[in-house]
Amino acid sequence: MNVAYHLNVIGAESQLISRVGNDQPGTELLSFCSGKGLPAPLIQIDEIHSTGEVNARIMDNHEVVYDISPGAAWDYISLNSNLKQLAADADAFVYGSLASRNPVSRETLLGILESAKFKVFDVNIRAPHYTKETLTFLLNKADLLKLNNDELNLLGEWFYKKDAAETDSIKFLQQAFNIPEIIITKGSDGASFYNTTDACHRKAYPVKVADTVGAGDSFLAAFLYKKLMGEDLTDALDYALGMGAFIASQSGACPAYTPADLDHFIVQQQQEL
């Protein structure tokens, strides 16, 4: 939802595939999406299962620990031909690993992946809701993989070797799972982009952090927007890092802002470097 929200704000039409319960939280979430200008026709209503709940705890180092309740409505997203066609028509389809924790949504995700033409895997590993087998399948489907340092270390330890250098782990993942492009976010150390021949490394913008909830999602939205517009990858990384810093400097994952607000923030940060 966060990725879709930020894509819409900065000018890329985006929709969210999900499912909520026929309950008050579900009604509130649909109202929230509407209020944020996020189209909701692909959010299904579940008459049996309740709307999902997540408790987020912000630690002293600004990292966030999530407690994700099981058996949520979004575990039961159903597949239909409309979803397959929309994925086939879209410039990009973004997916994560959480949607695979339940067999129903997992089968729906797999069906959509068969139709999507550009598949972006935002790993979003959340213990204990993943298995090595599922991640292996999802990695093999990715055209672009986005992950953070912790996720790279876990995948490296699982599939390659523990404590390997970043470049070695990236190269292994690209070759083992046939992934053309990989982005790694590193918090205050910035971010890097790798394709099969080159790499690009950019520094983060120093900001006073309010909270980091949704910062990675906003980063991905901004990078995708610039990439799909055909802009230089260095500029895309800088814009994405600016977006991530902008969101981290505010409370909440989906604050109200305009593209002009974001551009002004980035210019200010660049002047202060």
C-alpha atoms as a PDB file:
ATOM      1  CA  MET A   1       0.000   0.000   0.000  1.00  0.00           C
ATOM      2  CA  ASN A   2       2.808   2.399   0.872  1.00  0.00           C
ATOM      3  CA  VAL A   3       4.500   1.864  -2.496  1.00  0.00           C
ATOM      4  CA  ALA A   4       1.221   2.382  -4.366  1.00  0.00           C
ATOM      5  CA  TYR A   5       0.441   5.531  -2.363  1.00  0.00           C
ATOM      6  CA  HIS A   6       3.762   7.207  -3.118  1.00  0.00           C
ATOM      7  CA  LEU A   7       3.661   6.204  -6.788  1.00  0.00           C
ATOM      8  CA  ASN A   8       0.277   7.884  -7.115  1.00  0.00           C
ATOM      9  CA  VAL A   9       1.455  11.034  -5.347  1.00  0.00           C
ATOM     10  CA  ILE A  10       4.474  11.533  -7.612  1.00  0.00           C
ATOM     11  CA  GLY A  11       2.537  10.835 -10.804  1.00  0.00           C
ATOM     12  CA  ALA A  12       2.410   7.108 -11.603  1.00  0.00           C
ATOM     13  CA  GLU A  13      -1.028   5.471 -11.699  1.00  0.00           C
ATOM     14  CA  SER A  14      -0.927   2.568  -9.257  1.00  0.00           C
ATOM     15  CA  GLN A  15      -3.373   0.166  -7.621  1.00  0.00           C
ATOM     16  CA  LEU A  16      -3.217  -2.169  -4.650  1.00  0.00           C
ATOM     17  CA  ILE A  17      -4.254  -5.834  -4.725  1.00  0.00           C
ATOM     18  CA  SER A  18      -5.319  -6.888  -1.238  1.00  0.00           C
ATOM     19  CA  ARG A  19      -8.258  -8.057   0.885  1.00  0.00           C
ATOM     20  CA  VAL A  20      -9.915  -6.695   4.028  1.00  0.00           C
ATOM     21  CA  GLY A  21     -12.575  -8.076   6.314  1.00  0.00           C
ATOM     22  CA  ASN A  22     -16.184  -6.965   6.334  1.00  0.00           C
ATOM     23  CA  ASP A  23     -15.562  -5.161   9.625  1.00  0.00           C
ATOM     24  CA  GLN A  24     -14.850  -1.716  11.032  1.00  0.00           C
ATOM     25  CA  PRO A  25     -11.064  -1.813  10.470  1.00  0.00           C
ATOM     26  CA  GLY A  26     -11.704  -2.875   6.873  1.00  0.00           C
ATOM     27  CA  THR A  27     -14.118   0.002   6.353  1.00  0.00           C
ATOM     28  CA  GLU A  28     -11.623   2.396   7.896  1.00  0.00           C
ATOM     29  CA  LEU A  29      -8.822   1.143   5.658  1.00  0.00           C
ATOM     30  CA  LEU A  30     -10.926   1.567   2.520  1.00  0.00           C
ATOM     31  CA  SER A  31     -11.831   5.067   3.684  1.00  0.00           C
ATOM     32  CA  PHE A  32      -8.157   5.797   4.348  1.00  0.00           C
ATOM     33  CA  CYS A  33      -7.218   4.698   0.828  1.00  0.00           C
ATOM     34  CA  SER A  34      -9.966   6.845  -0.637  1.00  0.00           C
ATOM     35  CA  GLY A  35      -8.858   9.825   1.415  1.00  0.00           C
ATOM     36  CA  LYS A  36      -5.281   9.367   0.224  1.00  0.00           C
ATOM     37  CA  GLY A  37      -6.351   9.196  -3.424  1.00  0.00           C
ATOM     38  CA  LEU A  38      -5.430   5.524  -3.704  1.00  0.00           C
ATOM     39  CA  PRO A  39      -7.844   3.553  -5.937  1.00  0.00           C
ATOM     40  CA  ALA A  40      -9.367   0.566  -4.143  1.00  0.00           C
ATOM     41  CA  PRO A  41     -11.275  -1.514  -6.745  1.00  0.00           C
ATOM     42  CA  LEU A  42      -8.759  -4.376  -6.395  1.00  0.00           C
ATOM     43  CA  ILE A  43      -9.130  -4.592  -2.606  1.00  0.00           C
ATOM     44  CA  GLN A  44     -11.437  -7.546  -2.003  1.00  0.00           C
ATOM     45  CA  ILE A  45     -13.944  -7.879   0.870  1.00  0.00           C
ATOM     46  CA  ASP A  46     -13.785 -11.052   2.966  1.00  0.00           C
ATOM     47  CA  GLU A  47     -16.969 -12.172   4.751  1.00  0.00           C
ATOM     48  CA  ILE A  48     -15.189 -14.726   6.944  1.00  0.00           C
ATOM     49  CA  HIS A  49     -11.736 -13.456   7.908  1.00  0.00           C
ATOM     50  CA  SER A  50     -10.935 -10.259   9.776  1.00  0.00           C
ATOM     51  CA  THR A  51      -8.893  -7.344   8.508  1.00  0.00           C
ATOM     52  CA  GLY A  52      -5.180  -7.855   9.122  1.00  0.00           C
ATOM     53  CA  GLU A  53      -3.468  -6.229  12.080  1.00  0.00           C
ATOM     54  CA  VAL A  54       0.200  -5.378  12.620  1.00  0.00           C
ATOM     55  CA  ASN A  55       1.806  -4.054  15.779  1.00  0.00           C
ATOM     56  CA  ALA A  56       4.962  -2.047  15.045  1.00  0.00           C
ATOM     57  CA  ARG A  57       7.531  -1.320  17.743  1.00  0.00           C
ATOM     58  CA  ILE A  58      10.148   1.343  17.033  1.00  0.00           C
ATOM     59  CA  MET A  59      13.460   0.516  18.700  1.00  0.00           C
ATOM     60  CA  ASP A  60      16.101   2.897  20.053  1.00  0.00           C
ATOM     61  CA  ASN A  61      18.088   2.670  16.794  1.00  0.00           C
ATOM     62  CA  HIS A  62      14.959   3.668  14.778  1.00  0.00           C
ATOM     63  CA  GLU A  63      14.604   0.119  13.437  1.00  0.00           C
ATOM     64  CA  VAL A  64      11.075  -1.304  13.498  1.00  0.00           C
ATOM     65  CA  VAL A  65       9.978  -4.723  14.779  1.00  0.00           C
ATOM     66  CA  TYR A  66       6.653  -6.022  13.450  1.00  0.00           C
ATOM     67  CA  ASP A  67       4.160  -8.422  15.034  1.00  0.00           C
ATOM     68  CA  ILE A  68       1.900  -9.547  12.170  1.00  0.00           C
ATOM     69  CA  SER A  69      -1.316 -11.319  13.173  1.00  0.00           C
ATOM     70  CA  PRO A  70      -2.016 -14.630  11.334  1.00  0.00           C
ATOM     71  CA  GLY A  71      -5.202 -15.635   9.542  1.00  0.00           C
ATOM     72  CA  ALA A  72      -5.923 -12.159   8.133  1.00  0.00           C
ATOM     73  CA  ALA A  73      -8.227 -11.397   5.219  1.00  0.00           C
ATOM     74  CA  TRP A  74      -5.214 -10.607   3.022  1.00  0.00           C
ATOM     75  CA  ASP A  75      -4.099 -14.232   3.451  1.00  0.00           C
ATOM     76  CA  TYR A  76      -7.119 -15.177   1.303  1.00  0.00           C
ATOM     77  CA  ILE A  77      -6.811 -12.974  -1.797  1.00  0.00           C
ATOM     78  CA  SER A  78      -8.591 -14.775  -4.628  1.00  0.00           C
ATOM     79  CA  LEU A  79      -7.345 -14.974  -8.209  1.00  0.00           C
ATOM     80  CA  ASN A  80      -9.393 -13.893 -11.210  1.00  0.00           C
ATOM     81  CA  SER A  81      -8.717 -13.152 -14.869  1.00  0.00           C
ATOM     82  CA  ASN A  82      -8.973  -9.400 -14.239  1.00  0.00           C
ATOM     83  CA  LEU A  83      -5.937  -9.460 -11.946  1.00  0.00           C
ATOM     84  CA  LYS A  84      -3.915 -11.398 -14.506  1.00  0.00           C
ATOM     85  CA  GLN A  85      -4.807  -8.953 -17.276  1.00  0.00           C
ATOM     86  CA  LEU A  86      -4.036  -5.889 -15.153  1.00  0.00           C
ATOM     87  CA  ALA A  87      -0.613  -7.327 -14.287  1.00  0.00           C
ATOM     88  CA  ALA A  88       0.045  -8.048 -17.965  1.00  0.00           C
ATOM     89  CA  ASP A  89      -0.860  -4.469 -18.910  1.00  0.00           C
ATOM     90  CA  ALA A  90       1.073  -2.764 -16.087  1.00  0.00           C
ATOM     91  CA  ASP A  91       4.582  -1.378 -16.507  1.00  0.00           C
ATOM     92  CA  ALA A  92       5.569  -3.074 -13.230  1.00  0.00           C
ATOM     93  CA  PHE A  93       4.126  -5.511 -10.692  1.00  0.00           C
ATOM     94  CA  VAL A  94       5.497  -5.187  -7.141  1.00  0.00           C
ATOM     95  CA  TYR A  95       5.260  -8.131  -4.748  1.00  0.00           C
ATOM     96  CA  GLY A  96       6.667  -9.208  -1.393  1.00  0.00           C
ATOM     97  CA  SER A  97       7.200 -12.432   0.501  1.00  0.00           C
ATOM     98  CA  LEU A  98       4.503 -11.910   3.142  1.00  0.00           C
ATOM     99  CA  ALA A  99       1.705 -12.626   0.688  1.00  0.00           C
ATOM    100  CA  SER A 100       3.074 -16.167   0.398  1.00  0.00           C
ATOM    101  CA  ARG A 101       2.636 -17.233   4.025  1.00  0.00           C
ATOM    102  CA  ASN A 102      -0.839 -18.681   3.318  1.00  0.00           C
ATOM    103  CA  PRO A 103      -1.548 -21.130   0.446  1.00  0.00           C
ATOM    104  CA  VAL A 104      -4.537 -19.136  -0.868  1.00  0.00           C
ATOM    105  CA  SER A 105      -2.790 -15.792  -1.402  1.00  0.00           C
ATOM    106  CA  ARG A 106       0.375 -17.636  -2.443  1.00  0.00           C
ATOM    107  CA  GLU A 107      -1.428 -19.338  -5.327  1.00  0.00           C
ATOM    108  CA  THR A 108      -2.968 -16.010  -6.325  1.00  0.00           C
ATOM    109  CA  LEU A 109       0.445 -14.359  -6.325  1.00  0.00           C
ATOM    110  CA  LEU A 110       1.949 -17.143  -8.400  1.00  0.00           C
ATOM    111  CA  GLY A 111      -0.880 -16.837 -10.922  1.00  0.00           C
ATOM    112  CA  ILE A 112      -0.344 -13.092 -11.272  1.00  0.00           C
ATOM    113  CA  LEU A 113       3.425 -13.531 -11.632  1.00  0.00           C
ATOM    114  CA  GLU A 114       2.845 -15.720 -14.667  1.00  0.00           C
ATOM    115  CA  SER A 115       1.185 -12.741 -16.402  1.00  0.00           C
ATOM    116  CA  ALA A 116       3.283  -9.775 -15.216  1.00  0.00           C
ATOM    117  CA  LYS A 117       5.848  -8.445 -17.687  1.00  0.00           C
ATOM    118  CA  PHE A 118       8.184  -6.662 -15.219  1.00  0.00           C
ATOM    119  CA  LYS A 119       8.289  -8.186 -11.753  1.00  0.00           C
ATOM    120  CA  VAL A 120       9.696  -6.267  -8.777  1.00  0.00           C
ATOM    121  CA  PHE A 121      10.378  -8.358  -5.672  1.00  0.00           C
ATOM    122  CA  ASP A 122      10.533  -6.240  -2.498  1.00  0.00           C
ATOM    123  CA  VAL A 123      11.673  -9.019  -0.177  1.00  0.00           C
ATOM    124  CA  ASN A 124      10.295  -7.597   3.102  1.00  0.00           C
ATOM    125  CA  ILE A 125      11.292 -10.624   5.161  1.00  0.00           C
ATOM    126  CA  ARG A 126       9.282 -10.710   8.394  1.00  0.00           C
ATOM    127  CA  ALA A 127       9.952 -13.569  10.801  1.00  0.00           C
ATOM    128  CA  PRO A 128       8.492 -16.157  11.047  1.00  0.00           C
ATOM    129  CA  HIS A 129       6.447 -15.687   7.860  1.00  0.00           C
ATOM    130  CA  TYR A 130       8.806 -17.102   5.259  1.00  0.00           C
ATOM    131  CA  THR A 131      10.527 -20.297   4.160  1.00  0.00           C
ATOM    132  CA  LYS A 132      13.624 -20.950   2.098  1.00  0.00           C
ATOM    133  CA  GLU A 133      11.535 -22.838  -0.466  1.00  0.00           C
ATOM    134  CA  THR A 134       9.111 -19.944  -1.002  1.00  0.00           C
ATOM    135  CA  LEU A 135      11.870 -17.339  -1.223  1.00  0.00           C
ATOM    136  CA  THR A 136      13.667 -19.490  -3.770  1.00  0.00           C
ATOM    137  CA  PHE A 137      10.607 -19.543  -6.012  1.00  0.00           C
ATOM    138  CA  LEU A 138       9.947 -15.800  -5.642  1.00  0.00           C
ATOM    139  CA  LEU A 139      13.579 -14.900  -6.321  1.00  0.00           C
ATOM    140  CA  ASN A 140      13.485 -16.902  -9.540  1.00  0.00           C
ATOM    141  CA  LYS A 141      10.567 -14.767 -10.754  1.00  0.00           C
ATOM    142  CA  ALA A 142      12.165 -11.360 -10.112  1.00  0.00           C
ATOM    143  CA  ASP A 143      13.323  -8.942 -12.802  1.00  0.00           C
ATOM    144  CA  LEU A 144      14.288  -6.403 -10.131  1.00  0.00           C
ATOM    145  CA  LEU A 145      15.084  -7.346  -6.530  1.00  0.00           C
ATOM    146  CA  LYS A 146      14.978  -4.778  -3.721  1.00  0.00           C
ATOM    147  CA  LEU A 147      16.396  -5.666  -0.309  1.00  0.00           C
ATOM    148  CA  ASN A 148      18.183  -4.142   2.674  1.00  0.00           C
ATOM    149  CA  ASN A 149      21.447  -5.095   4.386  1.00  0.00           C
ATOM    150  CA  ASP A 150      19.836  -7.544   6.808  1.00  0.00           C
ATOM    151  CA  GLU A 151      17.925  -9.276   4.019  1.00  0.00           C
ATOM    152  CA  LEU A 152      21.058  -9.510   1.867  1.00  0.00           C
ATOM    153  CA  ASN A 153      22.953 -11.057   4.782  1.00  0.00           C
ATOM    154  CA  LEU A 154      20.188 -13.622   5.347  1.00  0.00           C
ATOM    155  CA  LEU A 155      19.938 -14.582   1.668  1.00  0.00           C
ATOM    156  CA  GLY A 156      23.716 -14.706   1.417  1.00  0.00           C
ATOM    157  CA  GLU A 157      23.967 -17.028   4.410  1.00  0.00           C
ATOM    158  CA  TRP A 158      21.150 -19.260   3.114  1.00  0.00           C
ATOM    159  CA  PHE A 159      22.170 -19.546  -0.511  1.00  0.00           C
ATOM    160  CA  TYR A 160      25.841 -18.537  -0.700  1.00  0.00           C
ATOM    161  CA  LYS A 161      28.027 -18.140   2.390  1.00  0.00           C
ATOM    162  CA  LYS A 162      27.947 -16.269   5.674  1.00  0.00           C
ATOM    163  CA  ASP A 163      29.523 -12.801   5.944  1.00  0.00           C
ATOM    164  CA  ALA A 164      30.361 -12.605   2.250  1.00  0.00           C
ATOM    165  CA  ALA A 165      31.222  -9.245   0.719  1.00  0.00           C
ATOM    166  CA  GLU A 166      28.254  -7.306  -0.693  1.00  0.00           C
ATOM    167  CA  THR A 167      29.463  -7.475  -4.276  1.00  0.00           C
ATOM    168  CA  ASP A 168      30.072 -11.212  -4.050  1.00  0.00           C
ATOM    169  CA  SER A 169      26.630 -11.909  -2.575  1.00  0.00           C
ATOM    170  CA  ILE A 170      24.938  -9.727  -5.189  1.00  0.00           C
ATOM    171  CA  LYS A 171      26.789 -11.427  -8.032  1.00  0.00           C
ATOM    172  CA  PHE A 172      25.853 -14.845  -6.679  1.00  0.00           C
ATOM    173  CA  LEU A 173      22.142 -13.949  -6.346  1.00  0.00           C
ATOM    174  CA  GLN A 174      22.065 -12.544  -9.872  1.00  0.00           C
ATOM    175  CA  GLN A 175      23.593 -15.662 -11.350  1.00  0.00           C
ATOM    176  CA  ALA A 176      21.827 -18.244  -9.175  1.00  0.00           C
ATOM    177  CA  PHE A 177      18.333 -16.800  -9.684  1.00  0.00           C
ATOM    178  CA  ASN A 178      18.789 -15.019 -13.031  1.00  0.00           C
ATOM    179  CA  ILE A 179      17.973 -11.576 -11.586  1.00  0.00           C
ATOM    180  CA  PRO A 180      18.978  -8.773 -13.998  1.00  0.00           C
ATOM    181  CA  GLU A 181      18.811  -5.908 -11.469  1.00  0.00           C
ATOM    182  CA  ILE A 182      19.253  -5.622  -7.698  1.00  0.00           C
ATOM    183  CA  ILE A 183      18.884  -2.627  -5.367  1.00  0.00           C
ATOM    184  CA  ILE A 184      20.204  -2.709  -1.824  1.00  0.00           C
ATOM    185  CA  THR A 185      19.261  -0.019   0.707  1.00  0.00           C
ATOM    186  CA  LYS A 186      21.697   0.636   3.561  1.00  0.00           C
ATOM    187  CA  GLY A 187      20.016   3.197   5.799  1.00  0.00           C
ATOM    188  CA  SER A 188      22.391   6.068   6.589  1.00  0.00           C
ATOM    189  CA  ASP A 189      24.980   4.533   4.223  1.00  0.00           C
ATOM    190  CA  GLY A 190      22.819   5.158   1.161  1.00  0.00           C
ATOM    191  CA  ALA A 191      21.954   2.634  -1.534  1.00  0.00           C
ATOM    192  CA  SER A 192      23.448   0.696  -4.438  1.00  0.00           C
ATOM    193  CA  PHE A 193      22.095  -0.527  -7.762  1.00  0.00           C
ATOM    194  CA  TYR A 194      23.543  -3.500  -9.613  1.00  0.00           C
ATOM    195  CA  ASN A 195      22.795  -4.854 -13.070  1.00  0.00           C
ATOM    196  CA  THR A 196      24.661  -7.630 -14.839  1.00  0.00           C
ATOM    197  CA  THR A 197      27.532  -5.386 -15.957  1.00  0.00           C
ATOM    198  CA  ASP A 198      27.660  -2.245 -13.796  1.00  0.00           C
ATOM    199  CA  ALA A 199      27.033  -0.882 -10.304  1.00  0.00           C
ATOM    200  CA  CYS A 200      25.992   2.516  -8.967  1.00  0.00           C
ATOM    201  CA  HIS A 201      26.516   3.661  -5.363  1.00  0.00           C
ATOM    202  CA  ARG A 202      24.982   6.807  -3.845  1.00  0.00           C
ATOM    203  CA  LYS A 203      25.178   8.375  -0.411  1.00  0.00           C
ATOM    204  CA  ALA A 204      22.176   8.998   1.821  1.00  0.00           C
ATOM    205  CA  TYR A 205      20.892  12.458   2.703  1.00  0.00           C
ATOM    206  CA  PRO A 206      21.547  13.220   6.400  1.00  0.00           C
ATOM    207  CA  VAL A 207      18.258  14.046   8.134  1.00  0.00           C
ATOM    208  CA  LYS A 208      16.768  14.043  11.607  1.00  0.00           C
ATOM    209  CA  VAL A 209      14.734  10.827  11.712  1.00  0.00           C
ATOM    210  CA  ALA A 210      11.173  10.885  13.047  1.00  0.00           C
ATOM    211  CA  ASP A 211      10.587   7.204  12.232  1.00  0.00           C
ATOM    212  CA  THR A 212      11.646   4.834   9.462  1.00  0.00           C
ATOM    213  CA  VAL A 213       8.233   3.215   8.899  1.00  0.00           C
ATOM    214  CA  GLY A 214       7.569   3.188   5.154  1.00  0.00           C
ATOM    215  CA  ALA A 215      10.863   4.836   4.200  1.00  0.00           C
ATOM    216  CA  GLY A 216      11.985   1.781   2.209  1.00  0.00           C
ATOM    217  CA  ASP A 217       8.623   1.600   0.451  1.00  0.00           C
ATOM    218  CA  SER A 218       8.790   5.266  -0.524  1.00  0.00           C
ATOM    219  CA  PHE A 219      12.357   4.724  -1.780  1.00  0.00           C
ATOM    220  CA  LEU A 220      11.181   1.902  -4.038  1.00  0.00           C
ATOM    221  CA  ALA A 221       8.268   3.958  -5.377  1.00  0.00           C
ATOM    222  CA  ALA A 222      10.534   6.867  -6.256  1.00  0.00           C
ATOM    223  CA  PHE A 223      13.165   4.660  -7.891  1.00  0.00           C
ATOM    224  CA  LEU A 224      10.575   2.788  -9.956  1.00  0.00           C
ATOM    225  CA  TYR A 225       8.981   6.030 -11.098  1.00  0.00           C
ATOM    226  CA  LYS A 226      12.268   7.406 -12.427  1.00  0.00           C
ATOM    227  CA  LYS A 227      13.368   4.086 -13.906  1.00  0.00           C
ATOM    228  CA  LEU A 228      10.091   3.550 -15.765  1.00  0.00           C
ATOM    229  CA  MET A 229      10.344   7.110 -17.078  1.00  0.00           C
ATOM    230  CA  GLY A 230      13.652   6.089 -18.633  1.00  0.00           C
ATOM    231  CA  GLU A 231      15.802   8.420 -16.545  1.00  0.00           C
ATOM    232  CA  ASP A 232      19.465   7.884 -15.661  1.00  0.00           C
ATOM    233  CA  LEU A 233      19.879   5.295 -12.905  1.00  0.00           C
ATOM    234  CA  THR A 234      22.161   7.568 -10.873  1.00  0.00           C
ATOM    235  CA  ASP A 235      19.461  10.240 -10.886  1.00  0.00           C
ATOM    236  CA  ALA A 236      16.871   7.606 -10.027  1.00  0.00           C
ATOM    237  CA  LEU A 237      18.902   6.475  -7.009  1.00  0.00           C
ATOM    238  CA  ASP A 238      19.409  10.065  -5.827  1.00  0.00           C
ATOM    239  CA  TYR A 239      15.696  10.793  -6.167  1.00  0.00           C
ATOM    240  CA  ALA A 240      14.810   7.595  -4.302  1.00  0.00           C
ATOM    241  CA  LEU A 241      17.237   8.399  -1.480  1.00  0.00           C
ATOM    242  CA  GLY A 242      15.734  11.869  -1.278  1.00  0.00           C
ATOM    243  CA  MET A 243      12.267  10.383  -0.990  1.00  0.00           C
ATOM    244  CA  GLY A 244      13.377   7.913   1.691  1.00  0.00           C
ATOM    245  CA  ALA A 245      14.984  10.686   3.727  1.00  0.00           C
ATOM    246  CA  PHE A 246      11.932  12.899   3.279  1.00  0.00           C
ATOM    247  CA  ILE A 247       9.566  10.214   4.612  1.00  0.00           C
ATOM    248  CA  ALA A 248      11.939   9.216   7.441  1.00  0.00           C
ATOM    249  CA  SER A 249      12.010  12.841   8.575  1.00  0.00           C
ATOM    250  CA  GLN A 250       8.237  12.738   9.137  1.00  0.00           C
ATOM    251  CA  SER A 251       5.925  10.605  11.257  1.00  0.00           C
ATOM    252  CA  GLY A 252       4.004   7.851   9.490  1.00  0.00           C
ATOM    253  CA  ALA A 253       4.468   5.994   6.228  1.00  0.00           C
ATOM    254  CA  CYS A 254       2.018   8.019   4.131  1.00  0.00           C
ATOM    255  CA  PRO A 255       2.204  11.720   5.075  1.00  0.00           C
ATOM    256  CA  ALA A 256       0.427  14.263   2.908  1.00  0.00           C
ATOM    257  CA  TYR A 257       2.772  15.990   0.452  1.00  0.00           C
ATOM    258  CA  THR A 258       3.095  17.066  -3.167  1.00  0.00           C
ATOM    259  CA  PRO A 259       5.840  16.357  -5.726  1.00  0.00           C
ATOM    260  CA  ALA A 260       6.850  19.997  -5.325  1.00  0.00           C
ATOM    261  CA  ASP A 261       7.324  19.445  -1.570  1.00  0.00           C
ATOM    262  CA  LEU A 262       9.594  16.506  -2.284  1.00  0.00           C
ATOM    263  CA  ASP A 263      11.590  18.375  -4.919  1.00  0.00           C
ATOM    264  CA  HIS A 264      12.050  21.325  -2.534  1.00  0.00           C
ATOM    265  CA  PHE A 265      13.275  18.977   0.210  1.00  0.00           C
ATOM    266  CA  ILE A 266      15.794  17.299  -2.100  1.00  0.00           C
ATOM    267  CA  VAL A 267      17.160  20.644  -3.320  1.00  0.00           C
ATOM    268  CA  GLN A 268      17.570  21.790   0.267  1.00  0.00           C
ATOM    269  CA  GLN A 269      19.416  18.625   1.210  1.00  0.00           C
ATOM    270  CA  GLN A 270      21.719  18.884  -1.785  1.00  0.00           C
ATOM    271  CA  GLN A 271      22.586  22.469  -0.890  1.00  0.00           C
ATOM    272  CA  GLU A 272      23.519  21.423   2.640  1.00  0.00           C
ATOM    273  CA  LEU A 273      25.881  18.642   1.528  1.00  0.00           C
END
